[in-house]
Amino acid sequence: TSVGGYLNLYGTPIESLGNLTSVGGDLNLFGTPIESLGNLTSVGGDLNLRKTPISKKYTKEEIRQMVKIEGEIFI
């Protein structure tokens, strides 16, 4: 349910993070068809949501209300 460091899912066909609750470093979801952040509660670094359905659906502020992001959010 957690990844201690950086998680790079760039360009993969992933649509949901499912039971993943935390990522210790950056989370890169650039160019994925991701529709849901699932059970994610925290990201210890940056969150890259560029070119994803989530980036069109939510503002940075709305994402921060759902998930604790220590770094920057890129949408």
Protein backbone atom coordinates (compact mmCIF):
# COMPACT_ATOMS: atom_id res chain seq x y z
CA THR A 1 0.00 0.00 0.00
CA SER A 2 3.01 2.32 0.10
CA VAL A 3 6.12 3.13 -1.93
CA GLY A 4 9.07 4.51 0.01
CA GLY A 5 10.61 6.57 -2.79
CA TYR A 6 9.90 7.82 -6.28
CA LEU A 7 7.10 6.17 -8.30
CA ASN A 8 7.23 6.72 -12.04
CA LEU A 9 4.16 5.50 -13.96
CA TYR A 10 4.76 7.80 -16.96
CA GLY A 11 2.87 6.65 -20.04
CA THR A 12 1.50 3.44 -18.51
CA PRO A 13 -2.15 2.40 -19.04
CA ILE A 14 -2.98 2.73 -15.31
CA GLU A 15 -6.46 4.10 -14.55
CA SER A 16 -6.49 3.97 -10.73
CA LEU A 17 -3.98 3.73 -7.89
CA GLY A 18 -6.27 1.28 -6.09
CA ASN A 19 -5.08 0.56 -2.55
CA LEU A 20 -1.91 2.68 -2.74
CA THR A 21 -2.00 5.06 0.24
CA SER A 22 1.37 6.82 0.21
CA VAL A 23 4.41 7.61 -1.90
CA GLY A 24 7.51 8.81 -0.05
CA GLY A 25 8.97 10.78 -2.97
CA ASP A 26 7.66 12.12 -6.25
CA LEU A 27 4.72 10.50 -8.04
CA ASN A 28 4.81 10.84 -11.83
CA LEU A 29 1.54 10.05 -13.61
CA PHE A 30 2.28 12.14 -16.74
CA GLY A 31 0.44 10.94 -19.84
CA THR A 32 -1.59 8.19 -18.14
CA PRO A 33 -5.36 7.65 -18.47
CA ILE A 34 -5.66 7.79 -14.65
CA GLU A 35 -9.21 8.60 -13.52
CA SER A 36 -8.81 8.20 -9.76
CA LEU A 37 -6.18 8.63 -7.06
CA GLY A 38 -7.92 5.81 -5.19
CA ASN A 39 -6.92 5.63 -1.51
CA LEU A 40 -3.88 7.90 -1.88
CA THR A 41 -3.47 10.14 1.18
CA SER A 42 0.08 11.49 0.90
CA VAL A 43 2.92 12.21 -1.51
CA GLY A 44 6.29 13.20 0.01
CA GLY A 45 7.47 15.03 -3.11
CA ASP A 46 5.94 16.40 -6.30
CA LEU A 47 2.81 15.08 -8.03
CA ASN A 48 2.85 15.23 -11.83
CA LEU A 49 -0.63 14.95 -13.35
CA ARG A 50 0.09 16.62 -16.71
CA LYS A 51 -1.87 15.19 -19.66
CA THR A 52 -4.19 13.11 -17.45
CA PRO A 53 -8.00 13.14 -17.05
CA ILE A 54 -7.50 14.18 -13.40
CA SER A 55 -5.69 17.37 -14.47
CA LYS A 56 -8.79 18.44 -16.40
CA LYS A 57 -11.20 17.47 -13.62
CA TYR A 58 -9.65 19.11 -10.53
CA THR A 59 -7.74 22.25 -9.58
CA LYS A 60 -4.48 22.11 -7.63
CA GLU A 61 -6.37 23.29 -4.54
CA GLU A 62 -8.96 20.52 -4.87
CA ILE A 63 -6.21 17.92 -5.22
CA ARG A 64 -4.49 19.26 -2.09
CA GLN A 65 -7.77 18.88 -0.18
CA MET A 66 -7.90 15.19 -1.16
CA VAL A 67 -4.20 14.29 -0.81
CA LYS A 68 -1.40 15.75 1.32
CA ILE A 69 1.27 16.80 -1.21
CA GLU A 70 4.61 17.95 0.26
CA GLY A 71 5.95 19.30 -3.05
CA GLU A 72 4.51 20.88 -6.17
CA ILE A 73 1.52 19.74 -8.21
CA PHE A 74 1.88 19.87 -11.98
CA ILE A 75 -1.36 19.82 -13.99
